[in-house]
Amino acid sequence: TEEKVRLRSHCEYFGKILTAPDANGKKLGFISQEMGREINTL
């Protein structure tokens, strides 16, 4: 349950940063790393 909640939260944040005026690759890279951790634990 926790992994699903966190993964959904990371994905939603990823989508939010994609549309932000100050979006950048480094920040998206950090979020993708967190997504990977949750997916691996799942």
PDB file of all heavy atoms in Angstrom:
ATOM      1  N   THR A   1       0.828  -1.216   0.000  1.00  0.00           N
ATOM      2  CA  THR A   1       0.000   0.000   0.000  1.00  0.00           C
ATOM      3  C   THR A   1       0.859   1.262   0.000  1.00  0.00           C
ATOM      4  O   THR A   1       0.626   2.190  -0.784  1.00  0.00           O
ATOM      5  CB  THR A   1      -0.935   0.009   1.225  1.00  0.00           C
ATOM      6  OG1 THR A   1      -1.735  -1.167   1.202  1.00  0.00           O
ATOM      7  CG2 THR A   1      -1.835   1.243   1.199  1.00  0.00           C
ATOM      8  N   GLU A   2       1.866   1.317   0.877  1.00  0.00           N
ATOM      9  CA  GLU A   2       2.712   2.513   0.961  1.00  0.00           C
ATOM     10  C   GLU A   2       3.459   2.763  -0.340  1.00  0.00           C
ATOM     11  O   GLU A   2       3.599   3.913  -0.783  1.00  0.00           O
ATOM     12  CB  GLU A   2       3.708   2.371   2.111  1.00  0.00           C
ATOM     13  CG  GLU A   2       3.076   2.457   3.488  1.00  0.00           C
ATOM     14  CD  GLU A   2       4.130   2.429   4.591  1.00  0.00           C
ATOM     15  OE1 GLU A   2       5.333   2.577   4.276  1.00  0.00           O
ATOM     16  OE2 GLU A   2       3.741   2.267   5.756  1.00  0.00           O
ATOM     17  N   GLU A   3       3.944   1.703  -0.953  1.00  0.00           N
ATOM     18  CA  GLU A   3       4.682   1.843  -2.213  1.00  0.00           C
ATOM     19  C   GLU A   3       3.769   2.387  -3.318  1.00  0.00           C
ATOM     20  O   GLU A   3       4.193   3.239  -4.116  1.00  0.00           O
ATOM     21  CB  GLU A   3       5.274   0.494  -2.648  1.00  0.00           C
ATOM     22  CG  GLU A   3       6.470   0.038  -1.851  1.00  0.00           C
ATOM     23  CD  GLU A   3       6.105  -0.477  -0.461  1.00  0.00           C
ATOM     24  OE1 GLU A   3       4.912  -0.749  -0.222  1.00  0.00           O
ATOM     25  OE2 GLU A   3       7.011  -0.596   0.386  1.00  0.00           O
ATOM     26  N   LYS A   4       2.528   1.911  -3.348  1.00  0.00           N
ATOM     27  CA  LYS A   4       1.574   2.393  -4.362  1.00  0.00           C
ATOM     28  C   LYS A   4       1.272   3.869  -4.155  1.00  0.00           C
ATOM     29  O   LYS A   4       1.236   4.646  -5.120  1.00  0.00           O
ATOM     30  CB  LYS A   4       0.281   1.585  -4.301  1.00  0.00           C
ATOM     31  CG  LYS A   4       0.421   0.136  -4.757  1.00  0.00           C
ATOM     32  CD  LYS A   4      -0.935  -0.559  -4.820  1.00  0.00           C
ATOM     33  CE  LYS A   4      -1.606  -0.590  -3.466  1.00  0.00           C
ATOM     34  NZ  LYS A   4      -2.922  -1.212  -3.481  1.00  0.00           N
ATOM     35  N   VAL A   5       1.067   4.256  -2.899  1.00  0.00           N
ATOM     36  CA  VAL A   5       0.751   5.656  -2.583  1.00  0.00           C
ATOM     37  C   VAL A   5       1.916   6.560  -2.963  1.00  0.00           C
ATOM     38  O   VAL A   5       1.741   7.614  -3.596  1.00  0.00           O
ATOM     39  CB  VAL A   5       0.411   5.819  -1.086  1.00  0.00           C
ATOM     40  CG1 VAL A   5       0.332   7.292  -0.704  1.00  0.00           C
ATOM     41  CG2 VAL A   5      -0.910   5.116  -0.765  1.00  0.00           C
ATOM     42  N   ARG A   6       3.131   6.144  -2.591  1.00  0.00           N
ATOM     43  CA  ARG A   6       4.303   6.972  -2.880  1.00  0.00           C
ATOM     44  C   ARG A   6       4.570   7.058  -4.381  1.00  0.00           C
ATOM     45  O   ARG A   6       4.920   8.117  -4.901  1.00  0.00           O
ATOM     46  CB  ARG A   6       5.536   6.441  -2.142  1.00  0.00           C
ATOM     47  CG  ARG A   6       5.529   6.741  -0.645  1.00  0.00           C
ATOM     48  CD  ARG A   6       6.919   6.551  -0.041  1.00  0.00           C
ATOM     49  NE  ARG A   6       7.321   5.159  -0.062  1.00  0.00           N
ATOM     50  CZ  ARG A   6       7.190   4.321   0.960  1.00  0.00           C
ATOM     51  NH1 ARG A   6       6.637   4.735   2.092  1.00  0.00           N
ATOM     52  NH2 ARG A   6       7.602   3.072   0.870  1.00  0.00           N
ATOM     53  N   LEU A   7       4.413   5.933  -5.093  1.00  0.00           N
ATOM     54  CA  LEU A   7       4.644   5.934  -6.533  1.00  0.00           C
ATOM     55  C   LEU A   7       3.647   6.857  -7.234  1.00  0.00           C
ATOM     56  O   LEU A   7       4.032   7.637  -8.117  1.00  0.00           O
ATOM     57  CB  LEU A   7       4.540   4.519  -7.103  1.00  0.00           C
ATOM     58  CG  LEU A   7       4.729   4.393  -8.622  1.00  0.00           C
ATOM     59  CD1 LEU A   7       6.079   4.984  -9.054  1.00  0.00           C
ATOM     60  CD2 LEU A   7       4.620   2.938  -9.069  1.00  0.00           C
ATOM     61  N   ARG A   8       2.390   6.781  -6.831  1.00  0.00           N
ATOM     62  CA  ARG A   8       1.385   7.668  -7.437  1.00  0.00           C
ATOM     63  C   ARG A   8       1.727   9.133  -7.153  1.00  0.00           C
ATOM     64  O   ARG A   8       1.624   9.985  -8.040  1.00  0.00           O
ATOM     65  CB  ARG A   8      -0.006   7.341  -6.893  1.00  0.00           C
ATOM     66  CG  ARG A   8      -1.098   8.260  -7.455  1.00  0.00           C
ATOM     67  CD  ARG A   8      -2.501   7.816  -7.102  1.00  0.00           C
ATOM     68  NE  ARG A   8      -2.908   6.684  -7.937  1.00  0.00           N
ATOM     69  CZ  ARG A   8      -3.022   5.447  -7.509  1.00  0.00           C
ATOM     70  NH1 ARG A   8      -2.743   5.147  -6.242  1.00  0.00           N
ATOM     71  NH2 ARG A   8      -3.396   4.484  -8.325  1.00  0.00           N
ATOM     72  N   SER A   9       2.173   9.404  -5.934  1.00  0.00           N
ATOM     73  CA  SER A   9       2.539  10.773  -5.567  1.00  0.00           C
ATOM     74  C   SER A   9       3.719  11.273  -6.402  1.00  0.00           C
ATOM     75  O   SER A   9       3.715  12.413  -6.890  1.00  0.00           O
ATOM     76  CB  SER A   9       2.894  10.824  -4.075  1.00  0.00           C
ATOM     77  OG  SER A   9       3.365  12.095  -3.706  1.00  0.00           O
ATOM     78  N   HIS A  10       4.735  10.419  -6.581  1.00  0.00           N
ATOM     79  CA  HIS A  10       5.904  10.804  -7.384  1.00  0.00           C
ATOM     80  C   HIS A  10       5.509  11.061  -8.842  1.00  0.00           C
ATOM     81  O   HIS A  10       5.983  12.020  -9.460  1.00  0.00           O
ATOM     82  CB  HIS A  10       6.971   9.707  -7.341  1.00  0.00           C
ATOM     83  CG  HIS A  10       7.588   9.528  -5.992  1.00  0.00           C
ATOM     84  ND1 HIS A  10       7.791  10.560  -5.116  1.00  0.00           N
ATOM     85  CD2 HIS A  10       8.066   8.405  -5.360  1.00  0.00           C
ATOM     86  CE1 HIS A  10       8.353  10.108  -4.012  1.00  0.00           C
ATOM     87  NE2 HIS A  10       8.533   8.802  -4.138  1.00  0.00           N
ATOM     88  N   CYS A  11       4.645  10.202  -9.392  1.00  0.00           N
ATOM     89  CA  CYS A  11       4.212  10.361 -10.787  1.00  0.00           C
ATOM     90  C   CYS A  11       3.426  11.661 -10.971  1.00  0.00           C
ATOM     91  O   CYS A  11       3.604  12.372 -11.969  1.00  0.00           O
ATOM     92  CB  CYS A  11       3.359   9.170 -11.226  1.00  0.00           C
ATOM     93  SG  CYS A  11       4.277   7.630 -11.458  1.00  0.00           S
ATOM     94  N   GLU A  12       2.570  11.963 -10.015  1.00  0.00           N
ATOM     95  CA  GLU A  12       1.783  13.199 -10.096  1.00  0.00           C
ATOM     96  C   GLU A  12       2.686  14.427  -9.984  1.00  0.00           C
ATOM     97  O   GLU A  12       2.484  15.424 -10.688  1.00  0.00           O
ATOM     98  CB  GLU A  12       0.714  13.210  -8.996  1.00  0.00           C
ATOM     99  CG  GLU A  12      -0.407  12.206  -9.259  1.00  0.00           C
ATOM    100  CD  GLU A  12      -1.356  12.063  -8.079  1.00  0.00           C
ATOM    101  OE1 GLU A  12      -1.066  12.634  -7.006  1.00  0.00           O
ATOM    102  OE2 GLU A  12      -2.387  11.374  -8.230  1.00  0.00           O
ATOM    103  N   TYR A  13       3.698  14.339  -9.124  1.00  0.00           N
ATOM    104  CA  TYR A  13       4.638  15.446  -8.979  1.00  0.00           C
ATOM    105  C   TYR A  13       5.475  15.611 -10.249  1.00  0.00           C
ATOM    106  O   TYR A  13       5.770  16.728 -10.687  1.00  0.00           O
ATOM    107  CB  TYR A  13       5.541  15.206  -7.765  1.00  0.00           C
ATOM    108  CG  TYR A  13       6.459  16.345  -7.418  1.00  0.00           C
ATOM    109  CD1 TYR A  13       5.989  17.654  -7.386  1.00  0.00           C
ATOM    110  CD2 TYR A  13       7.800  16.122  -7.123  1.00  0.00           C
ATOM    111  CE1 TYR A  13       6.830  18.715  -7.060  1.00  0.00           C
ATOM    112  CE2 TYR A  13       8.647  17.178  -6.794  1.00  0.00           C
ATOM    113  CZ  TYR A  13       8.154  18.463  -6.771  1.00  0.00           C
ATOM    114  OH  TYR A  13       8.986  19.503  -6.462  1.00  0.00           O
ATOM    115  N   PHE A  14       5.846  14.487 -10.845  1.00  0.00           N
ATOM    116  CA  PHE A  14       6.595  14.499 -12.106  1.00  0.00           C
ATOM    117  C   PHE A  14       5.798  15.246 -13.175  1.00  0.00           C
ATOM    118  O   PHE A  14       6.338  16.105 -13.886  1.00  0.00           O
ATOM    119  CB  PHE A  14       6.867  13.059 -12.549  1.00  0.00           C
ATOM    120  CG  PHE A  14       7.799  12.935 -13.730  1.00  0.00           C
ATOM    121  CD1 PHE A  14       9.166  12.802 -13.547  1.00  0.00           C
ATOM    122  CD2 PHE A  14       7.309  12.932 -15.024  1.00  0.00           C
ATOM    123  CE1 PHE A  14      10.029  12.679 -14.626  1.00  0.00           C
ATOM    124  CE2 PHE A  14       8.157  12.814 -16.116  1.00  0.00           C
ATOM    125  CZ  PHE A  14       9.524  12.687 -15.912  1.00  0.00           C
ATOM    126  N   GLY A  15       4.499  14.930 -13.286  1.00  0.00           N
ATOM    127  CA  GLY A  15       3.648  15.605 -14.265  1.00  0.00           C
ATOM    128  C   GLY A  15       3.505  17.087 -13.976  1.00  0.00           C
ATOM    129  O   GLY A  15       3.474  17.913 -14.894  1.00  0.00           O
ATOM    130  N   LYS A  16       3.465  17.443 -12.708  1.00  0.00           N
ATOM    131  CA  LYS A  16       3.355  18.853 -12.310  1.00  0.00           C
ATOM    132  C   LYS A  16       4.608  19.638 -12.697  1.00  0.00           C
ATOM    133  O   LYS A  16       4.527  20.746 -13.227  1.00  0.00           O
ATOM    134  CB  LYS A  16       3.121  18.933 -10.802  1.00  0.00           C
ATOM    135  CG  LYS A  16       2.959  20.347 -10.270  1.00  0.00           C
ATOM    136  CD  LYS A  16       2.747  20.331  -8.760  1.00  0.00           C
ATOM    137  CE  LYS A  16       2.654  21.745  -8.188  1.00  0.00           C
ATOM    138  NZ  LYS A  16       2.483  21.728  -6.714  1.00  0.00           N
ATOM    139  N   ILE A  17       5.770  19.046 -12.439  1.00  0.00           N
ATOM    140  CA  ILE A  17       7.033  19.711 -12.768  1.00  0.00           C
ATOM    141  C   ILE A  17       7.202  19.858 -14.282  1.00  0.00           C
ATOM    142  O   ILE A  17       7.774  20.840 -14.766  1.00  0.00           O
ATOM    143  CB  ILE A  17       8.228  18.941 -12.164  1.00  0.00           C
ATOM    144  CG1 ILE A  17       8.153  18.957 -10.643  1.00  0.00           C
ATOM    145  CG2 ILE A  17       9.559  19.533 -12.625  1.00  0.00           C
ATOM    146  CD1 ILE A  17       8.170  20.341 -10.040  1.00  0.00           C
ATOM    147  N   LEU A  18       6.675  18.898 -15.042  1.00  0.00           N
ATOM    148  CA  LEU A  18       6.757  18.982 -16.501  1.00  0.00           C
ATOM    149  C   LEU A  18       6.093  20.247 -17.037  1.00  0.00           C
ATOM    150  O   LEU A  18       6.511  20.793 -18.060  1.00  0.00           O
ATOM    151  CB  LEU A  18       6.087  17.756 -17.146  1.00  0.00           C
ATOM    152  CG  LEU A  18       6.941  16.509 -17.351  1.00  0.00           C
ATOM    153  CD1 LEU A  18       6.084  15.391 -17.908  1.00  0.00           C
ATOM    154  CD2 LEU A  18       8.119  16.777 -18.263  1.00  0.00           C
ATOM    155  N   THR A  19       5.035  20.705 -16.371  1.00  0.00           N
ATOM    156  CA  THR A  19       4.293  21.873 -16.849  1.00  0.00           C
ATOM    157  C   THR A  19       4.690  23.159 -16.130  1.00  0.00           C
ATOM    158  O   THR A  19       4.158  24.225 -16.433  1.00  0.00           O
ATOM    159  CB  THR A  19       2.783  21.645 -16.660  1.00  0.00           C
ATOM    160  OG1 THR A  19       2.508  21.376 -15.274  1.00  0.00           O
ATOM    161  CG2 THR A  19       2.310  20.463 -17.487  1.00  0.00           C
ATOM    162  N   ALA A  20       5.611  23.068 -15.177  1.00  0.00           N
ATOM    163  CA  ALA A  20       6.029  24.254 -14.421  1.00  0.00           C
ATOM    164  C   ALA A  20       6.932  25.139 -15.269  1.00  0.00           C
ATOM    165  O   ALA A  20       7.682  24.644 -16.106  1.00  0.00           O
ATOM    166  CB  ALA A  20       6.753  23.837 -13.142  1.00  0.00           C
ATOM    167  N   PRO A  21       6.878  26.466 -15.072  1.00  0.00           N
ATOM    168  CA  PRO A  21       7.714  27.370 -15.876  1.00  0.00           C
ATOM    169  C   PRO A  21       9.205  27.197 -15.631  1.00  0.00           C
ATOM    170  O   PRO A  21      10.022  27.495 -16.489  1.00  0.00           O
ATOM    171  CB  PRO A  21       7.245  28.772 -15.441  1.00  0.00           C
ATOM    172  CG  PRO A  21       6.603  28.569 -14.104  1.00  0.00           C
ATOM    173  CD  PRO A  21       6.013  27.198 -14.140  1.00  0.00           C
ATOM    174  N   ASP A  22       9.569  26.698 -14.442  1.00  0.00           N
ATOM    175  CA  ASP A  22      10.989  26.539 -14.115  1.00  0.00           C
ATOM    176  C   ASP A  22      11.428  25.075 -14.137  1.00  0.00           C
ATOM    177  O   ASP A  22      12.386  24.696 -13.493  1.00  0.00           O
ATOM    178  CB  ASP A  22      11.291  27.128 -12.731  1.00  0.00           C
ATOM    179  CG  ASP A  22      10.488  26.442 -11.628  1.00  0.00           C
ATOM    180  OD1 ASP A  22       9.486  25.782 -11.956  1.00  0.00           O
ATOM    181  OD2 ASP A  22      10.862  26.568 -10.442  1.00  0.00           O
ATOM    182  N   ALA A  23      10.692  24.248 -14.873  1.00  0.00           N
ATOM    183  CA  ALA A  23      11.023  22.825 -14.928  1.00  0.00           C
ATOM    184  C   ALA A  23      12.437  22.621 -15.444  1.00  0.00           C
ATOM    185  O   ALA A  23      12.900  23.346 -16.320  1.00  0.00           O
ATOM    186  CB  ALA A  23      10.033  22.086 -15.830  1.00  0.00           C
ATOM    187  N   ASN A  24      13.143  21.625 -14.895  1.00  0.00           N
ATOM    188  CA  ASN A  24      14.489  21.341 -15.374  1.00  0.00           C
ATOM    189  C   ASN A  24      14.796  19.857 -15.262  1.00  0.00           C
ATOM    190  O   ASN A  24      14.178  19.139 -14.484  1.00  0.00           O
ATOM    191  CB  ASN A  24      15.532  22.164 -14.610  1.00  0.00           C
ATOM    192  CG  ASN A  24      15.520  21.860 -13.132  1.00  0.00           C
ATOM    193  OD1 ASN A  24      16.008  20.823 -12.707  1.00  0.00           O
ATOM    194  ND2 ASN A  24      14.946  22.746 -12.324  1.00  0.00           N
ATOM    195  N   GLY A  25      15.760  19.437 -16.053  1.00  0.00           N
ATOM    196  CA  GLY A  25      16.095  18.020 -16.139  1.00  0.00           C
ATOM    197  C   GLY A  25      16.607  17.426 -14.848  1.00  0.00           C
ATOM    198  O   GLY A  25      16.327  16.271 -14.541  1.00  0.00           O
ATOM    199  N   LYS A  26      17.383  18.214 -14.066  1.00  0.00           N
ATOM    200  CA  LYS A  26      17.935  17.688 -12.826  1.00  0.00           C
ATOM    201  C   LYS A  26      16.825  17.324 -11.843  1.00  0.00           C
ATOM    202  O   LYS A  26      16.852  16.264 -11.221  1.00  0.00           O
ATOM    203  CB  LYS A  26      18.891  18.709 -12.203  1.00  0.00           C
ATOM    204  CG  LYS A  26      20.218  18.825 -12.932  1.00  0.00           C
ATOM    205  CD  LYS A  26      21.164  19.773 -12.215  1.00  0.00           C
ATOM    206  CE  LYS A  26      22.514  19.841 -12.925  1.00  0.00           C
ATOM    207  NZ  LYS A  26      23.448  20.772 -12.257  1.00  0.00           N
ATOM    208  N   LYS A  27      15.859  18.212 -11.683  1.00  0.00           N
ATOM    209  CA  LYS A  27      14.768  17.950 -10.746  1.00  0.00           C
ATOM    210  C   LYS A  27      13.956  16.742 -11.196  1.00  0.00           C
ATOM    211  O   LYS A  27      13.607  15.872 -10.392  1.00  0.00           O
ATOM    212  CB  LYS A  27      13.859  19.171 -10.640  1.00  0.00           C
ATOM    213  CG  LYS A  27      12.762  19.037  -9.589  1.00  0.00           C
ATOM    214  CD  LYS A  27      11.871  20.278  -9.536  1.00  0.00           C
ATOM    215  CE  LYS A  27      12.603  21.445  -8.935  1.00  0.00           C
ATOM    216  NZ  LYS A  27      11.712  22.640  -8.769  1.00  0.00           N
ATOM    217  N   LEU A  28      13.656  16.671 -12.489  1.00  0.00           N
ATOM    218  CA  LEU A  28      12.914  15.523 -13.012  1.00  0.00           C
ATOM    219  C   LEU A  28      13.723  14.236 -12.844  1.00  0.00           C
ATOM    220  O   LEU A  28      13.154  13.167 -12.601  1.00  0.00           O
ATOM    221  CB  LEU A  28      12.581  15.749 -14.490  1.00  0.00           C
ATOM    222  CG  LEU A  28      11.561  16.858 -14.777  1.00  0.00           C
ATOM    223  CD1 LEU A  28      11.511  17.156 -16.267  1.00  0.00           C
ATOM    224  CD2 LEU A  28      10.175  16.471 -14.279  1.00  0.00           C
ATOM    225  N   GLY A  29      15.037  14.345 -12.961  1.00  0.00           N
ATOM    226  CA  GLY A  29      15.899  13.183 -12.754  1.00  0.00           C
ATOM    227  C   GLY A  29      15.807  12.661 -11.330  1.00  0.00           C
ATOM    228  O   GLY A  29      15.747  11.446 -11.104  1.00  0.00           O
ATOM    229  N   PHE A  30      15.787  13.572 -10.344  1.00  0.00           N
ATOM    230  CA  PHE A  30      15.670  13.167  -8.945  1.00  0.00           C
ATOM    231  C   PHE A  30      14.334  12.464  -8.698  1.00  0.00           C
ATOM    232  O   PHE A  30      14.276  11.447  -7.996  1.00  0.00           O
ATOM    233  CB  PHE A  30      15.787  14.389  -8.026  1.00  0.00           C
ATOM    234  CG  PHE A  30      17.127  15.065  -8.079  1.00  0.00           C
ATOM    235  CD1 PHE A  30      17.233  16.440  -7.920  1.00  0.00           C
ATOM    236  CD2 PHE A  30      18.281  14.333  -8.303  1.00  0.00           C
ATOM    237  CE1 PHE A  30      18.468  17.070  -7.972  1.00  0.00           C
ATOM    238  CE2 PHE A  30      19.524  14.947  -8.361  1.00  0.00           C
ATOM    239  CZ  PHE A  30      19.610  16.326  -8.195  1.00  0.00           C
ATOM    240  N   ILE A  31      13.265  13.009  -9.287  1.00  0.00           N
ATOM    241  CA  ILE A  31      11.938  12.396  -9.102  1.00  0.00           C
ATOM    242  C   ILE A  31      11.906  11.007  -9.733  1.00  0.00           C
ATOM    243  O   ILE A  31      11.345  10.064  -9.157  1.00  0.00           O
ATOM    244  CB  ILE A  31      10.834  13.286  -9.712  1.00  0.00           C
ATOM    245  CG1 ILE A  31      10.831  14.663  -9.052  1.00  0.00           C
ATOM    246  CG2 ILE A  31       9.456  12.627  -9.527  1.00  0.00           C
ATOM    247  CD1 ILE A  31       9.954  15.680  -9.753  1.00  0.00           C
ATOM    248  N   SER A  32      12.506  10.864 -10.900  1.00  0.00           N
ATOM    249  CA  SER A  32      12.498   9.554 -11.574  1.00  0.00           C
ATOM    250  C   SER A  32      13.254   8.509 -10.755  1.00  0.00           C
ATOM    251  O   SER A  32      12.903   7.325 -10.764  1.00  0.00           O
ATOM    252  CB  SER A  32      13.095   9.673 -12.978  1.00  0.00           C
ATOM    253  OG  SER A  32      14.491   9.913 -12.928  1.00  0.00           O
ATOM    254  N   GLN A  33      14.297   8.944 -10.025  1.00  0.00           N
ATOM    255  CA  GLN A  33      15.018   8.011  -9.148  1.00  0.00           C
ATOM    256  C   GLN A  33      14.107   7.499  -8.033  1.00  0.00           C
ATOM    257  O   GLN A  33      14.123   6.317  -7.693  1.00  0.00           O
ATOM    258  CB  GLN A  33      16.235   8.703  -8.551  1.00  0.00           C
ATOM    259  CG  GLN A  33      17.359   8.946  -9.545  1.00  0.00           C
ATOM    260  CD  GLN A  33      18.512   9.713  -8.925  1.00  0.00           C
ATOM    261  OE1 GLN A  33      18.591   9.886  -7.719  1.00  0.00           O
ATOM    262  NE2 GLN A  33      19.413  10.203  -9.774  1.00  0.00           N
ATOM    263  N   GLU A  34      13.296   8.403  -7.469  1.00  0.00           N
ATOM    264  CA  GLU A  34      12.358   8.001  -6.412  1.00  0.00           C
ATOM    265  C   GLU A  34      11.289   7.070  -6.973  1.00  0.00           C
ATOM    266  O   GLU A  34      10.882   6.099  -6.314  1.00  0.00           O
ATOM    267  CB  GLU A  34      11.704   9.243  -5.789  1.00  0.00           C
ATOM    268  CG  GLU A  34      12.673  10.158  -5.052  1.00  0.00           C
ATOM    269  CD  GLU A  34      13.405   9.415  -3.941  1.00  0.00           C
ATOM    270  OE1 GLU A  34      12.768   8.671  -3.184  1.00  0.00           O
ATOM    271  OE2 GLU A  34      14.645   9.584  -3.843  1.00  0.00           O
ATOM    272  N   MET A  35      10.831   7.339  -8.172  1.00  0.00           N
ATOM    273  CA  MET A  35       9.865   6.450  -8.830  1.00  0.00           C
ATOM    274  C   MET A  35      10.457   5.054  -8.988  1.00  0.00           C
ATOM    275  O   MET A  35       9.790   4.044  -8.748  1.00  0.00           O
ATOM    276  CB  MET A  35       9.474   7.021 -10.201  1.00  0.00           C
ATOM    277  CG  MET A  35       8.635   8.286 -10.131  1.00  0.00           C
ATOM    278  SD  MET A  35       8.574   9.203 -11.705  1.00  0.00           S
ATOM    279  CE  MET A  35       7.762   8.013 -12.780  1.00  0.00           C
ATOM    280  N   GLY A  36      11.729   5.012  -9.384  1.00  0.00           N
ATOM    281  CA  GLY A  36      12.403   3.723  -9.572  1.00  0.00           C
ATOM    282  C   GLY A  36      12.489   2.920  -8.285  1.00  0.00           C
ATOM    283  O   GLY A  36      12.318   1.697  -8.296  1.00  0.00           O
ATOM    284  N   ARG A  37      12.751   3.612  -7.161  1.00  0.00           N
ATOM    285  CA  ARG A  37      12.829   2.909  -5.869  1.00  0.00           C
ATOM    286  C   ARG A  37      11.500   2.248  -5.525  1.00  0.00           C
ATOM    287  O   ARG A  37      11.460   1.099  -5.069  1.00  0.00           O
ATOM    288  CB  ARG A  37      13.231   3.889  -4.772  1.00  0.00           C
ATOM    289  CG  ARG A  37      14.681   4.335  -4.851  1.00  0.00           C
ATOM    290  CD  ARG A  37      15.094   5.073  -3.588  1.00  0.00           C
ATOM    291  NE  ARG A  37      16.472   5.553  -3.700  1.00  0.00           N
ATOM    292  CZ  ARG A  37      16.810   6.773  -4.085  1.00  0.00           C
ATOM    293  NH1 ARG A  37      15.867   7.656  -4.378  1.00  0.00           N
ATOM    294  NH2 ARG A  37      18.082   7.134  -4.165  1.00  0.00           N
ATOM    295  N   GLU A  38      10.415   2.981  -5.715  1.00  0.00           N
ATOM    296  CA  GLU A  38       9.090   2.426  -5.380  1.00  0.00           C
ATOM    297  C   GLU A  38       8.715   1.272  -6.309  1.00  0.00           C
ATOM    298  O   GLU A  38       8.147   0.267  -5.875  1.00  0.00           O
ATOM    299  CB  GLU A  38       8.024   3.527  -5.436  1.00  0.00           C
ATOM    300  CG  GLU A  38       8.280   4.713  -4.530  1.00  0.00           C
ATOM    301  CD  GLU A  38       8.519   4.323  -3.080  1.00  0.00           C
ATOM    302  OE1 GLU A  38       7.961   3.309  -2.623  1.00  0.00           O
ATOM    303  OE2 GLU A  38       9.288   5.024  -2.392  1.00  0.00           O
ATOM    304  N   ILE A  39       9.047   1.411  -7.585  1.00  0.00           N
ATOM    305  CA  ILE A  39       8.749   0.346  -8.547  1.00  0.00           C
ATOM    306  C   ILE A  39       9.543  -0.916  -8.199  1.00  0.00           C
ATOM    307  O   ILE A  39       9.005  -2.041  -8.238  1.00  0.00           O
ATOM    308  CB  ILE A  39       9.042   0.812  -9.991  1.00  0.00           C
ATOM    309  CG1 ILE A  39       8.040   1.884 -10.414  1.00  0.00           C
ATOM    310  CG2 ILE A  39       8.986  -0.368 -10.969  1.00  0.00           C
ATOM    311  CD1 ILE A  39       8.371   2.555 -11.741  1.00  0.00           C
ATOM    312  N   ASN A  40      10.790  -0.753  -7.843  1.00  0.00           N
ATOM    313  CA  ASN A  40      11.614  -1.910  -7.471  1.00  0.00           C
ATOM    314  C   ASN A  40      11.078  -2.603  -6.223  1.00  0.00           C
ATOM    315  O   ASN A  40      11.057  -3.834  -6.152  1.00  0.00           O
ATOM    316  CB  ASN A  40      13.061  -1.465  -7.229  1.00  0.00           C
ATOM    317  CG  ASN A  40      13.793  -1.144  -8.520  1.00  0.00           C
ATOM    318  OD1 ASN A  40      13.471  -1.665  -9.583  1.00  0.00           O
ATOM    319  ND2 ASN A  40      14.774  -0.263  -8.446  1.00  0.00           N
ATOM    320  N   THR A  41      10.649  -1.811  -5.239  1.00  0.00           N
ATOM    321  CA  THR A  41      10.093  -2.395  -4.016  1.00  0.00           C
ATOM    322  C   THR A  41       8.787  -3.127  -4.293  1.00  0.00           C
ATOM    323  O   THR A  41       8.531  -4.191  -3.731  1.00  0.00           O
ATOM    324  CB  THR A  41       9.865  -1.299  -2.949  1.00  0.00           C
ATOM    325  OG1 THR A  41      11.060  -0.548  -2.780  1.00  0.00           O
ATOM    326  CG2 THR A  41       9.474  -1.919  -1.613  1.00  0.00           C
ATOM    327  N   LEU A  42       7.971  -2.548  -5.167  1.00  0.00           N
ATOM    328  CA  LEU A  42       6.727  -3.225  -5.583  1.00  0.00           C
ATOM    329  C   LEU A  42       7.037  -4.607  -6.143  1.00  0.00           C
ATOM    330  O   LEU A  42       6.379  -5.592  -5.804  1.00  0.00           O
ATOM    331  CB  LEU A  42       6.022  -2.397  -6.662  1.00  0.00           C
ATOM    332  CG  LEU A  42       4.985  -1.360  -6.234  1.00  0.00           C
ATOM    333  CD1 LEU A  42       4.457  -0.611  -7.456  1.00  0.00           C
ATOM    334  CD2 LEU A  42       3.837  -2.018  -5.499  1.00  0.00           C
TER     335      LEU A  42
END
